[in-house]
C-alpha atoms as a PDB file:
ATOM      1  CA  UNK A   1      87.286 172.353  13.421  1.00  0.00           C
ATOM      2  CA  UNK A   2      86.331 169.869  10.709  1.00  0.00           C
ATOM      3  CA  UNK A   3      82.660 170.152  11.649  1.00  0.00           C
ATOM      4  CA  UNK A   4      82.798 173.819  10.645  1.00  0.00           C
ATOM      5  CA  UNK A   5      83.556 172.903   7.028  1.00  0.00           C
ATOM      6  CA  UNK A   6      80.407 173.418   4.879  1.00  0.00           C
ATOM      7  CA  UNK A   7      78.620 170.129   4.137  1.00  0.00           C
ATOM      8  CA  UNK A   8      81.371 168.216   5.979  1.00  0.00           C
ATOM      9  CA  UNK A   9      78.962 165.527   7.215  1.00  0.00           C
ATOM     10  CA  UNK A  10      77.755 164.891   3.666  1.00  0.00           C
ATOM     11  CA  UNK A  11      81.308 164.747   2.317  1.00  0.00           C
ATOM     12  CA  UNK A  12      82.365 162.335   5.049  1.00  0.00           C
ATOM     13  CA  UNK A  13      79.201 160.288   4.505  1.00  0.00           C
ATOM     14  CA  UNK A  14      79.989 160.052   0.795  1.00  0.00           C
ATOM     15  CA  UNK A  15      83.484 158.726   1.539  1.00  0.00           C
ATOM     16  CA  UNK A  16      82.146 156.158   3.998  1.00  0.00           C
ATOM     17  CA  UNK A  17      79.314 155.165   1.667  1.00  0.00           C
ATOM     18  CA  UNK A  18      81.597 154.702  -1.334  1.00  0.00           C
ATOM     19  CA  UNK A  19      83.997 152.605   0.728  1.00  0.00           C
ATOM     20  CA  UNK A  20      81.241 150.354   2.040  1.00  0.00           C
ATOM     21  CA  UNK A  21      79.671 150.049  -1.409  1.00  0.00           C
ATOM     22  CA  UNK A  22      83.041 149.021  -2.835  1.00  0.00           C
ATOM     23  CA  UNK A  23      83.331 146.397  -0.100  1.00  0.00           C
ATOM     24  CA  UNK A  24      79.990 144.867  -1.141  1.00  0.00           C
ATOM     25  CA  UNK A  25      81.417 144.570  -4.636  1.00  0.00           C
ATOM     26  CA  UNK A  26      83.827 141.993  -3.213  1.00  0.00           C
ATOM     27  CA  UNK A  27      81.395 140.213  -0.879  1.00  0.00           C
ATOM     28  CA  UNK A  28      77.746 141.064  -0.361  1.00  0.00           C
ATOM     29  CA  UNK A  29      77.233 140.139   3.289  1.00  0.00           C
ATOM     30  CA  UNK A  30      80.616 140.690   4.944  1.00  0.00           C
ATOM     31  CA  UNK A  31      80.402 144.528   4.784  1.00  0.00           C
ATOM     32  CA  UNK A  32      76.819 144.438   6.073  1.00  0.00           C
ATOM     33  CA  UNK A  33      77.960 142.213   8.927  1.00  0.00           C
ATOM     34  CA  UNK A  34      80.845 144.574   9.685  1.00  0.00           C
ATOM     35  CA  UNK A  35      78.500 147.585   9.819  1.00  0.00           C
ATOM     36  CA  UNK A  36      75.961 145.654  11.884  1.00  0.00           C
ATOM     37  CA  UNK A  37      78.669 144.546  14.331  1.00  0.00           C
ATOM     38  CA  UNK A  38      80.157 148.029  14.641  1.00  0.00           C
ATOM     39  CA  UNK A  39      76.791 149.699  15.165  1.00  0.00           C
ATOM     40  CA  UNK A  40      75.585 146.982  17.565  1.00  0.00           C
ATOM     41  CA  UNK A  41      78.528 147.703  19.883  1.00  0.00           C
ATOM     42  CA  UNK A  42      78.141 151.462  19.311  1.00  0.00           C
ATOM     43  CA  UNK A  43      81.524 151.756  17.629  1.00  0.00           C
ATOM     44  CA  UNK A  44      79.845 153.780  14.888  1.00  0.00           C
ATOM     45  CA  UNK A  45      76.618 155.816  15.090  1.00  0.00           C
ATOM     46  CA  UNK A  46      73.486 154.645  13.300  1.00  0.00           C
ATOM     47  CA  UNK A  47      70.500 156.875  12.622  1.00  0.00           C
ATOM     48  CA  UNK A  48      66.930 155.871  13.410  1.00  0.00           C
ATOM     49  CA  UNK A  49      66.039 155.054   9.804  1.00  0.00           C
ATOM     50  CA  UNK A  50      68.690 152.324   9.677  1.00  0.00           C
ATOM     51  CA  UNK A  51      68.580 151.256  13.301  1.00  0.00           C
ATOM     52  CA  UNK A  52      67.608 147.766  12.133  1.00  0.00           C
ATOM     53  CA  UNK A  53      71.223 147.315  11.007  1.00  0.00           C
ATOM     54  CA  UNK A  54      72.366 147.493  14.627  1.00  0.00           C
ATOM     55  CA  UNK A  55      69.830 144.957  15.905  1.00  0.00           C
ATOM     56  CA  UNK A  56      70.845 141.518  17.185  1.00  0.00           C
ATOM     57  CA  UNK A  57      68.716 139.607  14.616  1.00  0.00           C
ATOM     58  CA  UNK A  58      70.437 141.497  11.775  1.00  0.00           C
ATOM     59  CA  UNK A  59      73.850 140.845  13.329  1.00  0.00           C
ATOM     60  CA  UNK A  60      73.172 137.101  13.585  1.00  0.00           C
ATOM     61  CA  UNK A  61      71.601 136.869  10.119  1.00  0.00           C
ATOM     62  CA  UNK A  62      74.381 138.759   8.334  1.00  0.00           C
ATOM     63  CA  UNK A  63      76.992 136.795  10.302  1.00  0.00           C
ATOM     64  CA  UNK A  64      75.593 133.453   9.164  1.00  0.00           C
ATOM     65  CA  UNK A  65      75.139 134.738   5.606  1.00  0.00           C
ATOM     66  CA  UNK A  66      78.759 135.948   5.584  1.00  0.00           C
ATOM     67  CA  UNK A  67      80.145 132.539   6.579  1.00  0.00           C
ATOM     68  CA  UNK A  68      77.931 130.726   4.042  1.00  0.00           C
ATOM     69  CA  UNK A  69      78.859 133.134   1.251  1.00  0.00           C
ATOM     70  CA  UNK A  70      82.600 132.891   1.904  1.00  0.00           C
ATOM     71  CA  UNK A  71      82.587 129.077   2.033  1.00  0.00           C
ATOM     72  CA  UNK A  72      80.312 128.750  -1.007  1.00  0.00           C
ATOM     73  CA  UNK A  73      82.864 130.495  -3.219  1.00  0.00           C
ATOM     74  CA  UNK A  74      85.270 127.586  -2.648  1.00  0.00           C
ATOM     75  CA  UNK A  75      82.796 125.072  -4.080  1.00  0.00           C
ATOM     76  CA  UNK A  76      83.128 124.471  -7.849  1.00  0.00           C
ATOM     77  CA  UNK A  77      80.083 125.430  -9.936  1.00  0.00           C
ATOM     78  CA  UNK A  78      78.450 127.010  -6.892  1.00  0.00           C
ATOM     79  CA  UNK A  79      80.843 129.938  -7.229  1.00  0.00           C
ATOM     80  CA  UNK A  80      79.645 130.483 -10.806  1.00  0.00           C
ATOM     81  CA  UNK A  81      76.031 130.372  -9.660  1.00  0.00           C
ATOM     82  CA  UNK A  82      76.803 132.989  -7.030  1.00  0.00           C
ATOM     83  CA  UNK A  83      78.468 135.162  -9.662  1.00  0.00           C
ATOM     84  CA  UNK A  84      75.178 135.372 -11.555  1.00  0.00           C
ATOM     85  CA  UNK A  85      73.511 136.638  -8.373  1.00  0.00           C
ATOM     86  CA  UNK A  86      76.366 138.719  -6.976  1.00  0.00           C
ATOM     87  CA  UNK A  87      75.953 141.789  -9.194  1.00  0.00           C
ATOM     88  CA  UNK A  88      72.256 142.494  -8.415  1.00  0.00           C
ATOM     89  CA  UNK A  89      72.735 141.578  -4.745  1.00  0.00           C
ATOM     90  CA  UNK A  90      75.835 143.757  -4.473  1.00  0.00           C
ATOM     91  CA  UNK A  91      73.936 146.622  -6.116  1.00  0.00           C
ATOM     92  CA  UNK A  92      71.196 146.390  -3.493  1.00  0.00           C
ATOM     93  CA  UNK A  93      73.625 145.994  -0.572  1.00  0.00           C
ATOM     94  CA  UNK A  94      75.851 148.818  -1.805  1.00  0.00           C
ATOM     95  CA  UNK A  95      72.842 151.098  -2.209  1.00  0.00           C
ATOM     96  CA  UNK A  96      71.565 150.317   1.297  1.00  0.00           C
ATOM     97  CA  UNK A  97      74.925 150.910   2.989  1.00  0.00           C
ATOM     98  CA  UNK A  98      75.480 154.113   1.032  1.00  0.00           C
ATOM     99  CA  UNK A  99      71.961 155.341   1.855  1.00  0.00           C
ATOM    100  CA  UNK A 100      72.572 154.685   5.556  1.00  0.00           C
ATOM    101  CA  UNK A 101      74.994 157.616   5.522  1.00  0.00           C
ATOM    102  CA  UNK A 102      72.426 160.076   4.095  1.00  0.00           C
ATOM    103  CA  UNK A 103      69.259 159.422   6.082  1.00  0.00           C
ATOM    104  CA  UNK A 104      68.617 163.124   6.705  1.00  0.00           C
ATOM    105  CA  UNK A 105      68.948 164.097   3.054  1.00  0.00           C
ATOM    106  CA  UNK A 106      65.367 163.267   2.044  1.00  0.00           C
ATOM    107  CA  UNK A 107      64.039 160.015   0.610  1.00  0.00           C
ATOM    108  CA  UNK A 108      64.287 160.718  -3.117  1.00  0.00           C
ATOM    109  CA  UNK A 109      67.764 162.310  -3.244  1.00  0.00           C
ATOM    110  CA  UNK A 110      68.982 159.826  -0.652  1.00  0.00           C
ATOM    111  CA  UNK A 111      68.041 156.728  -2.638  1.00  0.00           C
ATOM    112  CA  UNK A 112      68.776 158.236  -6.042  1.00  0.00           C
ATOM    113  CA  UNK A 113      72.304 159.058  -4.897  1.00  0.00           C
ATOM    114  CA  UNK A 114      72.614 155.677  -3.189  1.00  0.00           C
ATOM    115  CA  UNK A 115      71.595 153.760  -6.314  1.00  0.00           C
ATOM    116  CA  UNK A 116      73.894 155.741  -8.610  1.00  0.00           C
ATOM    117  CA  UNK A 117      76.974 156.070  -6.406  1.00  0.00           C
ATOM    118  CA  UNK A 118      76.619 153.140  -4.010  1.00  0.00           C
ATOM    119  CA  UNK A 119      74.903 150.640  -6.280  1.00  0.00           C
ATOM    120  CA  UNK A 120      76.993 151.643  -9.277  1.00  0.00           C
ATOM    121  CA  UNK A 121      80.262 151.233  -7.377  1.00  0.00           C
ATOM    122  CA  UNK A 122      79.258 147.848  -5.987  1.00  0.00           C
ATOM    123  CA  UNK A 123      77.973 146.557  -9.345  1.00  0.00           C
ATOM    124  CA  UNK A 124      81.116 147.651 -11.202  1.00  0.00           C
ATOM    125  CA  UNK A 125      83.510 145.940  -8.796  1.00  0.00           C
ATOM    126  CA  UNK A 126      81.327 142.836  -8.497  1.00  0.00           C
ATOM    127  CA  UNK A 127      81.064 142.413 -12.277  1.00  0.00           C
ATOM    128  CA  UNK A 128      84.816 142.921 -12.573  1.00  0.00           C
ATOM    129  CA  UNK A 129      85.580 140.046 -10.221  1.00  0.00           C
ATOM    130  CA  UNK A 130      82.942 137.876 -11.889  1.00  0.00           C
ATOM    131  CA  UNK A 131      84.856 138.418 -15.125  1.00  0.00           C
ATOM    132  CA  UNK A 132      88.130 137.642 -13.361  1.00  0.00           C
ATOM    133  CA  UNK A 133      86.690 134.366 -12.083  1.00  0.00           C
ATOM    134  CA  UNK A 134      85.475 133.498 -15.582  1.00  0.00           C
ATOM    135  CA  UNK A 135      88.946 134.179 -16.946  1.00  0.00           C
ATOM    136  CA  UNK A 136      90.450 132.065 -14.167  1.00  0.00           C
ATOM    137  CA  UNK A 137      88.136 129.206 -15.025  1.00  0.00           C
ATOM    138  CA  UNK A 138      89.008 129.459 -18.714  1.00  0.00           C
ATOM    139  CA  UNK A 139      92.772 129.591 -18.155  1.00  0.00           C
ATOM    140  CA  UNK A 140      93.259 127.361 -15.081  1.00  0.00           C
ATOM    141  CA  UNK A 141      90.273 125.047 -15.321  1.00  0.00           C
ATOM    142  CA  UNK A 142      88.927 126.518 -12.082  1.00  0.00           C
ATOM    143  CA  UNK A 143      92.060 125.819 -10.040  1.00  0.00           C
ATOM    144  CA  UNK A 144      92.743 129.516  -9.612  1.00  0.00           C
ATOM    145  CA  UNK A 145      89.221 130.346  -8.473  1.00  0.00           C
ATOM    146  CA  UNK A 146      90.081 129.779  -4.816  1.00  0.00           C
ATOM    147  CA  UNK A 147      92.751 132.461  -5.092  1.00  0.00           C
ATOM    148  CA  UNK A 148      90.204 134.855  -6.576  1.00  0.00           C
ATOM    149  CA  UNK A 149      87.733 133.970  -3.832  1.00  0.00           C
ATOM    150  CA  UNK A 150      90.284 134.565  -1.070  1.00  0.00           C
ATOM    151  CA  UNK A 151      91.251 137.893  -2.637  1.00  0.00           C
ATOM    152  CA  UNK A 152      87.604 138.971  -2.726  1.00  0.00           C
ATOM    153  CA  UNK A 153      87.062 138.066   0.925  1.00  0.00           C
ATOM    154  CA  UNK A 154      90.208 139.909   1.975  1.00  0.00           C
ATOM    155  CA  UNK A 155      89.205 142.910  -0.135  1.00  0.00           C
ATOM    156  CA  UNK A 156      85.751 143.029   1.442  1.00  0.00           C
ATOM    157  CA  UNK A 157      87.183 142.900   4.953  1.00  0.00           C
ATOM    158  CA  UNK A 158      89.862 145.522   4.331  1.00  0.00           C
ATOM    159  CA  UNK A 159      87.518 147.920   2.546  1.00  0.00           C
ATOM    160  CA  UNK A 160      84.867 147.562   5.268  1.00  0.00           C
ATOM    161  CA  UNK A 161      87.354 148.472   7.989  1.00  0.00           C
ATOM    162  CA  UNK A 162      88.880 151.309   5.979  1.00  0.00           C
ATOM    163  CA  UNK A 163      85.452 152.762   5.211  1.00  0.00           C
ATOM    164  CA  UNK A 164      84.703 153.067   8.916  1.00  0.00           C
ATOM    165  CA  UNK A 165      88.190 154.027  10.137  1.00  0.00           C
ATOM    166  CA  UNK A 166      89.842 155.839   7.207  1.00  0.00           C
ATOM    167  CA  UNK A 167      86.944 156.704   4.861  1.00  0.00           C
ATOM    168  CA  UNK A 168      88.941 159.065   2.627  1.00  0.00           C
ATOM    169  CA  UNK A 169      91.493 156.343   1.905  1.00  0.00           C
ATOM    170  CA  UNK A 170      88.685 153.828   1.317  1.00  0.00           C
ATOM    171  CA  UNK A 171      87.054 156.157  -1.206  1.00  0.00           C
ATOM    172  CA  UNK A 172      90.364 156.621  -3.046  1.00  0.00           C
ATOM    173  CA  UNK A 173      90.865 152.853  -3.218  1.00  0.00           C
ATOM    174  CA  UNK A 174      87.299 152.462  -4.489  1.00  0.00           C
ATOM    175  CA  UNK A 175      87.901 154.905  -7.330  1.00  0.00           C
ATOM    176  CA  UNK A 176      91.171 153.144  -8.226  1.00  0.00           C
ATOM    177  CA  UNK A 177      89.370 149.786  -8.254  1.00  0.00           C
ATOM    178  CA  UNK A 178      86.632 151.101 -10.528  1.00  0.00           C
ATOM    179  CA  UNK A 179      89.229 152.425 -12.983  1.00  0.00           C
ATOM    180  CA  UNK A 180      91.143 149.119 -12.936  1.00  0.00           C
ATOM    181  CA  UNK A 181      87.948 147.126 -13.468  1.00  0.00           C
ATOM    182  CA  UNK A 182      86.990 149.378 -16.359  1.00  0.00           C
ATOM    183  CA  UNK A 183      90.388 149.052 -18.047  1.00  0.00           C
ATOM    184  CA  UNK A 184      91.234 145.406 -17.447  1.00  0.00           C
ATOM    185  CA  UNK A 185      87.669 144.127 -17.312  1.00  0.00           C
ATOM    186  CA  UNK A 186      87.081 145.097 -20.918  1.00  0.00           C
ATOM    187  CA  UNK A 187      90.269 143.278 -21.948  1.00  0.00           C
ATOM    188  CA  UNK A 188      89.216 140.125 -20.091  1.00  0.00           C
ATOM    189  CA  UNK A 189      85.751 140.055 -21.664  1.00  0.00           C
ATOM    190  CA  UNK A 190      87.236 140.613 -25.121  1.00  0.00           C
ATOM    191  CA  UNK A 191      89.579 137.652 -24.660  1.00  0.00           C
ATOM    192  CA  UNK A 192      86.750 135.455 -23.404  1.00  0.00           C
ATOM    193  CA  UNK A 193      84.595 136.379 -26.397  1.00  0.00           C
ATOM    194  CA  UNK A 194      87.470 135.727 -28.770  1.00  0.00           C
ATOM    195  CA  UNK A 195      88.105 132.309 -27.198  1.00  0.00           C
ATOM    196  CA  UNK A 196      84.418 131.391 -27.363  1.00  0.00           C
ATOM    197  CA  UNK A 197      84.306 132.308 -31.062  1.00  0.00           C
ATOM    198  CA  UNK A 198      87.393 130.216 -31.751  1.00  0.00           C
ATOM    199  CA  UNK A 199      85.871 127.234 -29.970  1.00  0.00           C
ATOM    200  CA  UNK A 200      82.734 127.565 -32.092  1.00  0.00           C
END
């Protein structure tokens, strides 16, 4: 019945792609590991263009990268270094996972849409949490950063599962997150700028 809806596969792919892109905004490698694991065991289909995601080497590589990334965010100063890299890496990862849902669309529209929707979603959420970590460092001396890190890991895991199981709900959560980041992120950066000016 649902398959008879015009462009249903593209609509569903957009929901899944947005959810996965949002997940990479929390953690870069955990969503890629989740997709690799699910496709490796044939829990979700994977088209030929992105078959490398379901390979054993990719599964092992993303698994190791996921563990390293999660643990690294609990190390002082290293977490700040990762924040400088997280936005561009999340943009790339979000674009790739989004594009994996539109392989039959054609190369140019596929990657243009992936960069705008997938990369944009991932970059927005990633930059929002980078700002939250900066605010945590400024207000708690870094003591609250572990809480932020745990929240990010949990968010990445939940969004990855939702994107594959309940993609519509994942897409709704992604939109809500983007709005919250836009509203509160601007306030956080304004406070940080004001504090830096006062210190000068």
